[in-house]
Protein backbone atom coordinates (compact mmCIF):
# COMPACT_ATOMS: atom_id res chain seq x y z
CA MET A 1 164.17 72.66 36.32
CA THR A 2 162.94 73.21 32.76
CA THR A 3 162.27 76.44 30.92
CA VAL A 4 158.60 75.49 30.90
CA ASP A 5 158.63 75.27 34.71
CA ARG A 6 160.22 78.71 34.99
CA ILE A 7 157.69 80.27 32.62
CA ALA A 8 154.81 78.70 34.53
CA ARG A 9 156.15 79.93 37.87
CA ASN A 10 156.54 83.43 36.50
CA ARG A 11 152.74 83.62 36.69
CA GLU A 12 152.99 82.89 40.43
CA ALA A 13 154.17 85.28 43.12
CA VAL A 14 155.55 84.82 46.62
CA ILE A 15 155.44 87.40 49.39
CA LEU A 16 157.97 87.01 52.21
CA VAL A 17 157.19 88.53 55.61
CA HIS A 18 159.82 88.82 58.36
CA GLY A 19 159.14 88.82 62.09
CA LEU A 20 159.44 91.12 65.09
CA ALA A 21 162.49 93.40 65.33
CA ALA A 22 163.78 92.07 62.01
CA VAL A 23 164.36 93.48 58.52
CA ARG A 24 163.97 92.22 54.95
CA LEU A 25 167.57 91.01 54.94
CA VAL A 26 166.43 88.04 57.06
CA MET A 27 164.41 86.76 54.09
CA TRP A 28 166.93 87.67 51.38
CA PRO A 29 168.42 84.17 50.78
CA MET A 30 164.89 82.78 50.48
CA ALA A 31 163.96 85.54 48.03
CA LYS A 32 167.05 84.89 45.93
CA ARG A 33 166.31 81.17 45.65
CA LEU A 34 162.64 81.64 44.79
CA ARG A 35 163.45 84.21 42.11
CA GLY A 36 165.90 81.72 40.66
CA LEU A 37 163.05 79.23 40.37
CA GLY A 38 161.03 81.70 38.35
CA PHE A 39 158.63 83.09 40.96
CA GLN A 40 157.84 86.78 41.17
CA VAL A 41 158.98 87.67 44.70
CA ARG A 42 158.09 90.53 47.02
CA ASN A 43 160.36 90.70 50.06
CA TYR A 44 158.00 92.70 52.23
CA GLY A 45 159.36 95.02 54.90
CA TYR A 46 157.62 96.88 57.71
CA LEU A 47 158.39 98.67 60.99
CA SER A 48 157.50 95.78 63.26
CA ILE A 49 157.95 97.29 66.73
CA SER A 50 155.85 100.44 66.65
CA LYS A 51 152.42 99.11 65.61
CA THR A 52 150.02 96.39 66.70
CA ILE A 53 149.46 93.16 64.80
CA PRO A 54 146.06 94.25 63.38
CA LEU A 55 147.64 97.43 62.00
CA HIS A 56 150.45 95.41 60.45
CA ALA A 57 147.81 93.12 58.94
CA ASP A 58 146.00 96.07 57.39
CA ARG A 59 149.16 97.17 55.64
CA LEU A 60 150.03 93.65 54.49
CA SER A 61 146.52 93.39 53.07
CA GLN A 62 147.35 96.20 50.66
CA ALA A 63 150.36 94.27 49.35
CA LEU A 64 148.28 91.13 48.80
CA ASP A 65 145.57 93.18 47.08
CA ARG A 66 148.12 94.16 44.45
CA PHE A 67 148.64 90.49 43.64
CA GLU A 68 144.89 89.94 43.54
CA ASP A 69 144.48 92.84 41.11
CA THR A 70 147.36 91.95 38.77
CA PRO A 71 146.02 89.91 35.82
CA SER A 72 149.42 88.41 34.99
CA ILE A 73 149.62 86.78 38.44
CA GLU A 74 147.48 83.65 38.60
CA ARG A 75 148.37 82.62 42.14
CA PHE A 76 150.41 83.89 45.06
CA HIS A 77 151.97 82.19 48.08
CA LEU A 78 153.05 83.30 51.55
CA VAL A 79 156.28 82.57 53.41
CA THR A 80 156.28 84.13 56.86
CA HIS A 81 158.65 84.09 59.81
CA SER A 82 157.80 84.36 63.52
CA MET A 83 155.42 87.29 64.14
CA GLY A 84 154.89 87.52 60.38
CA CYS A 85 152.93 84.27 60.71
CA ILE A 86 150.58 85.81 63.29
CA ILE A 87 150.07 88.89 61.12
CA GLY A 88 149.14 86.52 58.31
CA ARG A 89 146.77 84.52 60.50
CA HIS A 90 144.95 87.65 61.62
CA LEU A 91 144.67 88.98 58.08
CA LEU A 92 143.47 85.72 56.52
CA ALA A 93 140.84 85.30 59.23
CA GLN A 94 139.43 88.71 58.31
CA LYS A 95 139.62 88.71 54.51
CA ARG A 96 139.40 86.22 51.66
CA PHE A 97 141.97 86.16 48.85
CA GLU A 98 140.92 84.32 45.72
CA LYS A 99 144.43 83.82 44.34
CA LEU A 100 146.00 82.56 47.57
CA GLY A 101 147.88 79.31 47.00
CA ARG A 102 150.22 77.87 49.64
CA TRP A 103 151.71 79.15 52.86
CA VAL A 104 154.83 78.21 54.85
CA MET A 105 155.09 79.38 58.46
CA LEU A 106 158.65 79.50 59.79
CA ALA A 107 158.91 79.34 63.61
CA PRO A 108 155.39 80.65 64.23
CA PRO A 109 154.38 81.48 67.83
CA ASN A 110 150.98 79.96 67.14
CA ARG A 111 150.20 79.56 70.82
CA GLY A 112 152.36 82.42 71.96
CA SER A 113 155.93 82.96 73.07
CA HIS A 114 157.30 82.60 76.59
CA ALA A 115 159.97 85.18 75.70
CA ALA A 116 157.23 87.71 74.88
CA THR A 117 155.58 86.94 78.22
CA LEU A 118 158.85 87.57 80.07
CA LEU A 119 159.68 90.79 78.23
CA SER A 120 156.28 92.43 77.85
CA PRO A 121 156.12 93.88 81.42
CA TYR A 122 159.36 95.76 80.71
CA LEU A 123 159.21 96.49 76.98
CA GLY A 124 155.52 96.21 76.17
CA ARG A 125 154.92 99.97 76.17
CA PHE A 126 157.68 100.45 73.57
CA CYS A 127 157.09 97.28 71.57
CA LYS A 128 153.34 97.02 71.11
CA PRO A 129 153.15 93.49 69.64
CA LEU A 130 154.93 91.90 72.62
CA THR A 131 151.84 91.68 74.81
CA GLN A 132 149.84 90.31 71.88
CA LEU A 133 152.36 87.47 71.46
CA CYS A 134 152.33 86.29 75.09
CA ASP A 135 151.67 82.60 75.71
CA SER A 136 148.90 83.22 78.27
CA PRO A 137 145.53 81.66 77.36
CA ASP A 138 143.80 85.03 77.03
CA SER A 139 146.46 86.71 74.85
CA PHE A 140 145.73 88.06 71.39
CA VAL A 141 147.45 85.21 69.60
CA ASN A 142 145.53 82.60 71.58
CA GLN A 143 142.20 84.21 70.71
CA LEU A 144 142.70 84.34 66.94
CA PRO A 145 139.87 82.82 64.88
CA ASP A 146 140.54 79.99 62.44
CA PHE A 147 141.57 81.52 59.12
CA ARG A 148 140.53 78.30 57.34
CA ASN A 149 136.93 79.45 57.70
CA THR A 150 137.77 82.33 55.37
CA ASN A 151 140.61 81.05 53.19
CA ASP A 152 141.07 77.48 52.00
CA VAL A 153 144.87 77.48 52.03
CA ASN A 154 147.30 74.57 52.18
CA PHE A 155 149.88 75.49 54.82
CA ALA A 156 152.98 73.95 56.37
CA VAL A 157 154.89 74.71 59.56
CA VAL A 158 158.64 74.65 60.18
CA GLU A 159 159.97 74.50 63.75
CA ALA A 160 163.45 75.69 64.77
CA ALA A 161 164.96 72.85 66.79
CA TYR A 162 167.03 75.20 68.98
CA ASP A 163 164.38 77.88 69.43
CA ARG A 164 164.69 79.79 72.72
CA VAL A 165 161.83 82.14 71.89
CA ILE A 166 158.96 79.70 71.34
CA ALA A 167 158.36 76.40 73.13
CA PRO A 168 158.00 73.43 70.72
CA GLU A 169 154.44 72.74 71.82
CA ASN A 170 153.44 76.31 70.86
CA VAL A 171 154.53 76.00 67.23
CA PRO A 172 152.09 73.53 65.55
CA LEU A 173 148.69 74.63 64.30
CA ASP A 174 145.56 72.61 63.58
CA GLY A 175 145.15 71.95 59.87
CA GLN A 176 148.83 71.99 58.88
CA SER A 177 149.48 69.65 55.97
CA GLU A 178 153.20 69.25 56.69
CA TYR A 179 155.48 69.81 59.67
CA ALA A 180 159.26 69.93 59.65
CA VAL A 181 161.97 70.52 62.24
CA VAL A 182 165.14 72.28 61.11
CA LYS A 183 168.31 72.29 63.21
CA ALA A 184 168.54 76.05 63.60
CA ASN A 185 167.89 78.84 66.09
CA HIS A 186 164.82 81.06 65.87
CA GLY A 187 166.31 84.12 64.17
CA PRO A 188 168.49 82.45 61.52
CA LEU A 189 165.85 79.88 60.54
CA PRO A 190 164.94 81.59 57.22
CA TRP A 191 168.63 81.52 56.21
CA HIS A 192 169.08 77.80 56.81
CA ARG A 193 169.45 75.72 53.66
CA ASP A 194 167.02 73.10 54.97
CA SER A 195 164.36 75.77 55.49
CA ILE A 196 164.94 77.13 52.01
CA GLY A 197 164.81 73.62 50.57
CA PHE A 198 161.57 72.87 52.39
CA VAL A 199 159.94 76.07 51.11
CA GLU A 200 161.09 75.30 47.57
CA ARG A 201 159.64 71.79 47.61
CA PHE A 202 156.36 72.85 49.22
CA LEU A 203 155.69 75.74 46.86
CA CYS A 204 156.73 73.92 43.70
CA ARG A 205 154.27 71.06 44.08
């Protein structure tokens, strides 16, 4: 990596968004690597359990607006994990971002999660997003509009090979430009070196 590459990437930002019942630490190795490449990085944290996905999306929108309104940032990218991907999908279907570049979804429950379906009858009243992430055809996640109608974004999907939260057939999404499978479990996927390497290659193109 040349000094010129680092300077160029310093005009680009990346926002990292963790998933349900997680914290920013989950995305820390990814953040460290991307900062080392020269990107401006925001490791975004939020209280994932207590609010619905649309409310999370409203708050994330404020973070992306800061990138939009910062003249020194020419382009920004998204890297999201698990429910963070669904928050991103909802937001991008509602609002256009002119500076949006690329997006990597890590273990996204794009057609819902069987684990959410099993747990929501017991924990749904305490964990509001659970019912929205169910894999039933009429669930929130399965009714999301196509964000590509609002934002022309090049996105890739990474599946966790040993995922016990999301069935493999519920991970892909129409329009993905790349798809990778990493030999990891659902939770640790953002830590895995192959995931980090994939994100690096995809964002640096």
